[in-house]
């Protein structure tokens, strides 16, 4: 039984090691050169402004992200990434969200 569990674990680790990261962004100080902020709802005054910040609570102030700065506003942002195919493979999208509102 232990051998079976070890084999399952090794297969999982091996598959993870073979995964390919197609896009990753750490939102450093140059993030605006890679990301395009949409002007959607800009004409009617309903678009919000994104700010580059570590937030109110952080473990490392140098690890920043983009944050919505106004309530009840529209936000849209996009970035280019290289073309790829996941035909016959799973596609995993992963991102982190931190809610600072009470």
N, C-alpha and C. Protein backbone atom coordinates (compact mmCIF):
# COMPACT_ATOMS: atom_id res chain seq x y z
N UNK A 1 0.82 -1.20 0.00
CA UNK A 1 0.00 0.00 0.00
C UNK A 1 0.86 1.26 0.00
N UNK A 2 1.92 1.25 0.83
CA UNK A 2 2.80 2.41 0.87
C UNK A 2 3.50 2.61 -0.47
N UNK A 3 3.88 1.52 -1.09
CA UNK A 3 4.54 1.60 -2.38
C UNK A 3 3.61 2.23 -3.42
N UNK A 4 2.34 1.85 -3.40
CA UNK A 4 1.36 2.40 -4.32
C UNK A 4 1.19 3.90 -4.09
N UNK A 5 1.09 4.32 -2.85
CA UNK A 5 0.96 5.74 -2.54
C UNK A 5 2.20 6.52 -2.98
N UNK A 6 3.36 5.94 -2.78
CA UNK A 6 4.61 6.59 -3.21
C UNK A 6 4.64 6.73 -4.73
N UNK A 7 4.21 5.71 -5.45
CA UNK A 7 4.18 5.77 -6.90
C UNK A 7 3.20 6.84 -7.40
N UNK A 8 2.03 6.90 -6.78
CA UNK A 8 1.04 7.93 -7.15
C UNK A 8 1.62 9.32 -6.90
N UNK A 9 2.26 9.50 -5.78
CA UNK A 9 2.88 10.78 -5.45
C UNK A 9 3.95 11.14 -6.47
N UNK A 10 4.81 10.18 -6.83
CA UNK A 10 5.87 10.45 -7.80
C UNK A 10 5.31 10.79 -9.18
N UNK A 11 4.24 10.13 -9.58
CA UNK A 11 3.61 10.45 -10.86
C UNK A 11 3.07 11.88 -10.83
N UNK A 12 2.45 12.28 -9.74
CA UNK A 12 1.93 13.63 -9.59
C UNK A 12 3.06 14.65 -9.66
N UNK A 13 4.14 14.43 -8.94
CA UNK A 13 5.28 15.35 -8.93
C UNK A 13 5.92 15.41 -10.31
N UNK A 14 6.05 14.28 -10.98
CA UNK A 14 6.64 14.23 -12.30
C UNK A 14 5.80 15.02 -13.30
N UNK A 15 4.47 14.84 -13.26
CA UNK A 15 3.60 15.59 -14.16
C UNK A 15 3.67 17.09 -13.89
N UNK A 16 3.73 17.47 -12.63
CA UNK A 16 3.85 18.88 -12.28
C UNK A 16 5.16 19.46 -12.80
N UNK A 17 6.22 18.70 -12.71
CA UNK A 17 7.53 19.17 -13.17
C UNK A 17 7.55 19.36 -14.68
N UNK A 18 6.72 18.65 -15.41
CA UNK A 18 6.67 18.76 -16.86
C UNK A 18 5.74 19.85 -17.35
N UNK A 19 5.03 20.52 -16.47
CA UNK A 19 4.09 21.56 -16.89
C UNK A 19 4.85 22.75 -17.45
N UNK A 20 4.17 23.50 -18.31
CA UNK A 20 4.74 24.67 -18.95
C UNK A 20 3.97 25.91 -18.51
N UNK A 21 4.69 26.92 -18.09
CA UNK A 21 4.07 28.19 -17.75
C UNK A 21 4.10 29.05 -19.00
N UNK A 22 2.92 29.42 -19.52
CA UNK A 22 2.84 30.20 -20.75
C UNK A 22 2.83 31.70 -20.48
N UNK A 23 2.38 32.09 -19.29
CA UNK A 23 2.31 33.51 -18.96
C UNK A 23 2.40 33.67 -17.45
N UNK A 24 3.25 34.59 -17.02
CA UNK A 24 3.38 34.88 -15.60
C UNK A 24 3.75 36.34 -15.46
N UNK A 25 3.13 37.04 -14.54
CA UNK A 25 3.48 38.43 -14.30
C UNK A 25 3.54 38.67 -12.80
N UNK A 26 4.59 39.33 -12.37
CA UNK A 26 4.76 39.64 -10.95
C UNK A 26 4.40 41.09 -10.64
N UNK A 27 3.89 41.81 -11.65
CA UNK A 27 3.46 43.20 -11.49
C UNK A 27 4.54 44.07 -10.85
N UNK A 28 5.72 44.04 -11.46
CA UNK A 28 6.79 44.91 -10.99
C UNK A 28 6.48 46.36 -11.39
N UNK A 29 7.41 47.26 -11.19
CA UNK A 29 7.17 48.68 -11.45
C UNK A 29 6.93 49.00 -12.93
N UNK A 30 7.24 48.07 -13.81
CA UNK A 30 7.08 48.26 -15.26
C UNK A 30 5.80 47.60 -15.79
N UNK A 31 4.87 47.27 -14.92
CA UNK A 31 3.68 46.51 -15.33
C UNK A 31 2.86 47.23 -16.40
N UNK A 32 2.82 48.55 -16.38
CA UNK A 32 1.99 49.30 -17.33
C UNK A 32 2.50 49.19 -18.77
N UNK A 33 3.75 48.80 -18.96
CA UNK A 33 4.27 48.61 -20.32
C UNK A 33 3.78 47.29 -20.92
N UNK A 34 3.34 46.35 -20.08
CA UNK A 34 2.87 45.05 -20.55
C UNK A 34 1.35 44.93 -20.55
N UNK A 35 0.68 45.69 -19.75
CA UNK A 35 -0.77 45.61 -19.61
C UNK A 35 -1.44 46.82 -20.25
N UNK A 36 -2.59 46.58 -20.86
CA UNK A 36 -3.36 47.65 -21.49
C UNK A 36 -4.64 47.84 -20.68
N UNK A 37 -4.80 49.04 -20.14
CA UNK A 37 -6.01 49.37 -19.39
C UNK A 37 -7.04 49.85 -20.39
N UNK A 38 -8.21 49.24 -20.38
CA UNK A 38 -9.27 49.58 -21.32
C UNK A 38 -9.89 50.92 -20.97
N UNK A 39 -10.38 51.61 -21.99
CA UNK A 39 -11.11 52.85 -21.74
C UNK A 39 -12.62 52.61 -21.79
N UNK A 40 -13.01 51.36 -21.57
CA UNK A 40 -14.42 50.98 -21.50
C UNK A 40 -15.10 51.77 -20.37
N UNK A 41 -16.21 52.38 -20.64
CA UNK A 41 -16.98 53.20 -19.71
C UNK A 41 -16.27 54.49 -19.29
N UNK A 42 -15.21 54.85 -20.00
CA UNK A 42 -14.51 56.09 -19.67
C UNK A 42 -15.35 57.31 -20.03
N UNK A 43 -16.04 57.22 -21.18
CA UNK A 43 -16.85 58.35 -21.66
C UNK A 43 -18.01 58.69 -20.73
N UNK A 44 -18.57 57.67 -20.08
CA UNK A 44 -19.72 57.93 -19.20
C UNK A 44 -19.31 58.08 -17.73
N UNK A 45 -18.01 58.12 -17.45
CA UNK A 45 -17.52 58.36 -16.10
C UNK A 45 -17.66 57.18 -15.14
N UNK A 46 -17.90 55.98 -15.68
CA UNK A 46 -18.11 54.81 -14.82
C UNK A 46 -16.89 53.88 -14.73
N UNK A 47 -15.79 54.28 -15.37
CA UNK A 47 -14.59 53.44 -15.30
C UNK A 47 -13.77 53.84 -14.08
N UNK A 48 -13.15 52.84 -13.47
CA UNK A 48 -12.33 53.09 -12.29
C UNK A 48 -10.85 53.11 -12.64
N UNK A 49 -10.04 53.52 -11.70
CA UNK A 49 -8.59 53.60 -11.90
C UNK A 49 -7.91 52.48 -11.12
N UNK A 50 -7.01 51.76 -11.79
CA UNK A 50 -6.22 50.72 -11.14
C UNK A 50 -4.96 51.35 -10.55
N UNK A 51 -4.57 50.91 -9.37
CA UNK A 51 -3.36 51.40 -8.72
C UNK A 51 -2.40 50.24 -8.47
N UNK A 52 -1.12 50.54 -8.50
CA UNK A 52 -0.06 49.55 -8.27
C UNK A 52 0.35 49.63 -6.80
N UNK A 53 0.04 48.61 -6.03
CA UNK A 53 0.25 48.68 -4.59
C UNK A 53 0.44 47.30 -3.98
N UNK A 54 1.02 47.26 -2.80
CA UNK A 54 1.12 46.01 -2.03
C UNK A 54 -0.15 45.81 -1.20
N UNK A 55 -1.00 46.82 -1.13
CA UNK A 55 -2.24 46.71 -0.36
C UNK A 55 -2.04 47.14 1.08
N UNK A 56 -3.11 47.03 1.84
CA UNK A 56 -3.08 47.43 3.25
C UNK A 56 -2.26 46.45 4.10
N UNK A 57 -2.41 45.16 3.81
CA UNK A 57 -1.73 44.13 4.60
C UNK A 57 -0.84 43.34 3.66
N UNK A 58 0.43 43.21 4.00
CA UNK A 58 1.36 42.51 3.13
C UNK A 58 2.47 41.87 3.95
N UNK A 59 3.06 40.84 3.41
CA UNK A 59 4.21 40.21 4.04
C UNK A 59 5.51 40.83 3.54
N UNK A 60 5.51 41.26 2.27
CA UNK A 60 6.68 41.87 1.65
C UNK A 60 6.20 43.04 0.79
N UNK A 61 6.53 44.25 1.19
CA UNK A 61 6.02 45.44 0.51
C UNK A 61 6.47 45.52 -0.95
N UNK A 62 7.53 44.81 -1.30
CA UNK A 62 8.02 44.85 -2.68
C UNK A 62 7.16 43.99 -3.61
N UNK A 63 6.34 43.09 -3.07
CA UNK A 63 5.47 42.25 -3.89
C UNK A 63 4.14 42.97 -4.09
N UNK A 64 4.02 43.62 -5.24
CA UNK A 64 2.84 44.44 -5.51
C UNK A 64 1.97 43.81 -6.57
N UNK A 65 0.77 44.32 -6.66
CA UNK A 65 -0.18 43.91 -7.67
C UNK A 65 -0.97 45.11 -8.11
N UNK A 66 -2.00 44.88 -8.91
CA UNK A 66 -2.88 45.97 -9.29
C UNK A 66 -4.15 45.86 -8.47
N UNK A 67 -4.68 47.02 -8.09
CA UNK A 67 -5.83 47.06 -7.18
C UNK A 67 -6.87 48.03 -7.72
N UNK A 68 -8.12 47.66 -7.60
CA UNK A 68 -9.19 48.59 -7.93
C UNK A 68 -9.23 49.65 -6.84
N UNK A 69 -9.43 50.91 -7.23
CA UNK A 69 -9.32 52.00 -6.26
C UNK A 69 -10.66 52.65 -5.92
N UNK A 70 -11.70 52.33 -6.66
CA UNK A 70 -13.00 52.96 -6.42
C UNK A 70 -14.10 51.90 -6.40
N UNK A 71 -15.08 52.08 -5.54
CA UNK A 71 -16.22 51.17 -5.48
C UNK A 71 -17.19 51.46 -6.63
N UNK A 72 -17.92 50.45 -7.02
CA UNK A 72 -18.99 50.56 -8.01
C UNK A 72 -18.51 51.17 -9.32
N UNK A 73 -17.38 50.69 -9.82
CA UNK A 73 -16.83 51.15 -11.09
C UNK A 73 -16.52 49.95 -11.97
N UNK A 74 -16.29 50.19 -13.26
CA UNK A 74 -15.94 49.15 -14.20
C UNK A 74 -14.43 49.14 -14.41
N UNK A 75 -13.85 47.95 -14.45
CA UNK A 75 -12.41 47.77 -14.65
C UNK A 75 -12.19 46.72 -15.73
N UNK A 76 -11.24 47.00 -16.61
CA UNK A 76 -10.87 46.02 -17.64
C UNK A 76 -9.41 46.23 -17.99
N UNK A 77 -8.64 45.16 -17.98
CA UNK A 77 -7.21 45.22 -18.28
C UNK A 77 -6.82 43.92 -18.98
N UNK A 78 -5.87 44.02 -19.90
CA UNK A 78 -5.44 42.82 -20.63
C UNK A 78 -3.95 42.90 -20.92
N UNK A 79 -3.37 41.74 -21.20
CA UNK A 79 -1.95 41.66 -21.55
C UNK A 79 -1.78 40.61 -22.64
N UNK A 80 -0.82 40.83 -23.51
CA UNK A 80 -0.51 39.86 -24.56
C UNK A 80 0.34 38.75 -24.00
N UNK A 81 0.19 37.57 -24.57
CA UNK A 81 1.06 36.45 -24.24
C UNK A 81 1.28 35.64 -25.50
N UNK A 82 2.34 34.87 -25.55
CA UNK A 82 2.67 34.11 -26.76
C UNK A 82 1.57 33.10 -27.12
N UNK A 83 1.41 32.87 -28.38
CA UNK A 83 0.45 31.89 -28.85
C UNK A 83 0.89 30.49 -28.42
N UNK A 84 -0.09 29.66 -28.04
CA UNK A 84 0.22 28.29 -27.65
C UNK A 84 -1.00 27.43 -27.92
N UNK A 85 -0.80 26.14 -27.88
CA UNK A 85 -1.89 25.18 -28.05
C UNK A 85 -1.90 24.23 -26.87
N UNK A 86 -3.07 23.98 -26.34
CA UNK A 86 -3.18 22.99 -25.27
C UNK A 86 -3.99 21.79 -25.76
N UNK A 87 -3.99 21.57 -27.06
CA UNK A 87 -4.75 20.46 -27.63
C UNK A 87 -4.32 19.15 -26.98
N UNK A 88 -5.28 18.44 -26.43
CA UNK A 88 -5.02 17.17 -25.76
C UNK A 88 -4.47 17.31 -24.36
N UNK A 89 -4.41 18.54 -23.85
CA UNK A 89 -3.88 18.78 -22.51
C UNK A 89 -4.86 19.65 -21.73
N UNK A 90 -4.78 19.58 -20.43
CA UNK A 90 -5.58 20.46 -19.58
C UNK A 90 -4.97 21.85 -19.57
N UNK A 91 -5.82 22.87 -19.45
CA UNK A 91 -5.35 24.24 -19.32
C UNK A 91 -5.75 24.73 -17.94
N UNK A 92 -4.78 25.18 -17.16
CA UNK A 92 -5.03 25.66 -15.80
C UNK A 92 -4.74 27.15 -15.76
N UNK A 93 -5.72 27.93 -15.36
CA UNK A 93 -5.55 29.37 -15.14
C UNK A 93 -5.53 29.60 -13.65
N UNK A 94 -4.54 30.32 -13.18
CA UNK A 94 -4.40 30.55 -11.74
C UNK A 94 -4.11 32.01 -11.49
N UNK A 95 -4.80 32.59 -10.55
CA UNK A 95 -4.55 33.97 -10.16
C UNK A 95 -4.92 34.12 -8.69
N UNK A 96 -4.47 35.21 -8.11
CA UNK A 96 -4.70 35.45 -6.69
C UNK A 96 -5.50 36.74 -6.54
N UNK A 97 -6.49 36.69 -5.66
CA UNK A 97 -7.31 37.87 -5.35
C UNK A 97 -7.26 38.08 -3.84
N UNK A 98 -7.07 39.33 -3.44
CA UNK A 98 -7.04 39.66 -2.01
C UNK A 98 -8.12 40.70 -1.76
N UNK A 99 -9.11 40.36 -0.93
CA UNK A 99 -10.19 41.29 -0.60
C UNK A 99 -9.83 42.03 0.68
N UNK A 100 -9.72 43.35 0.60
CA UNK A 100 -9.34 44.15 1.77
C UNK A 100 -10.51 44.93 2.38
N UNK A 101 -11.70 44.74 1.82
CA UNK A 101 -12.85 45.46 2.34
C UNK A 101 -13.43 44.71 3.53
N UNK A 102 -14.04 45.45 4.45
CA UNK A 102 -14.68 44.83 5.60
C UNK A 102 -16.13 44.56 5.31
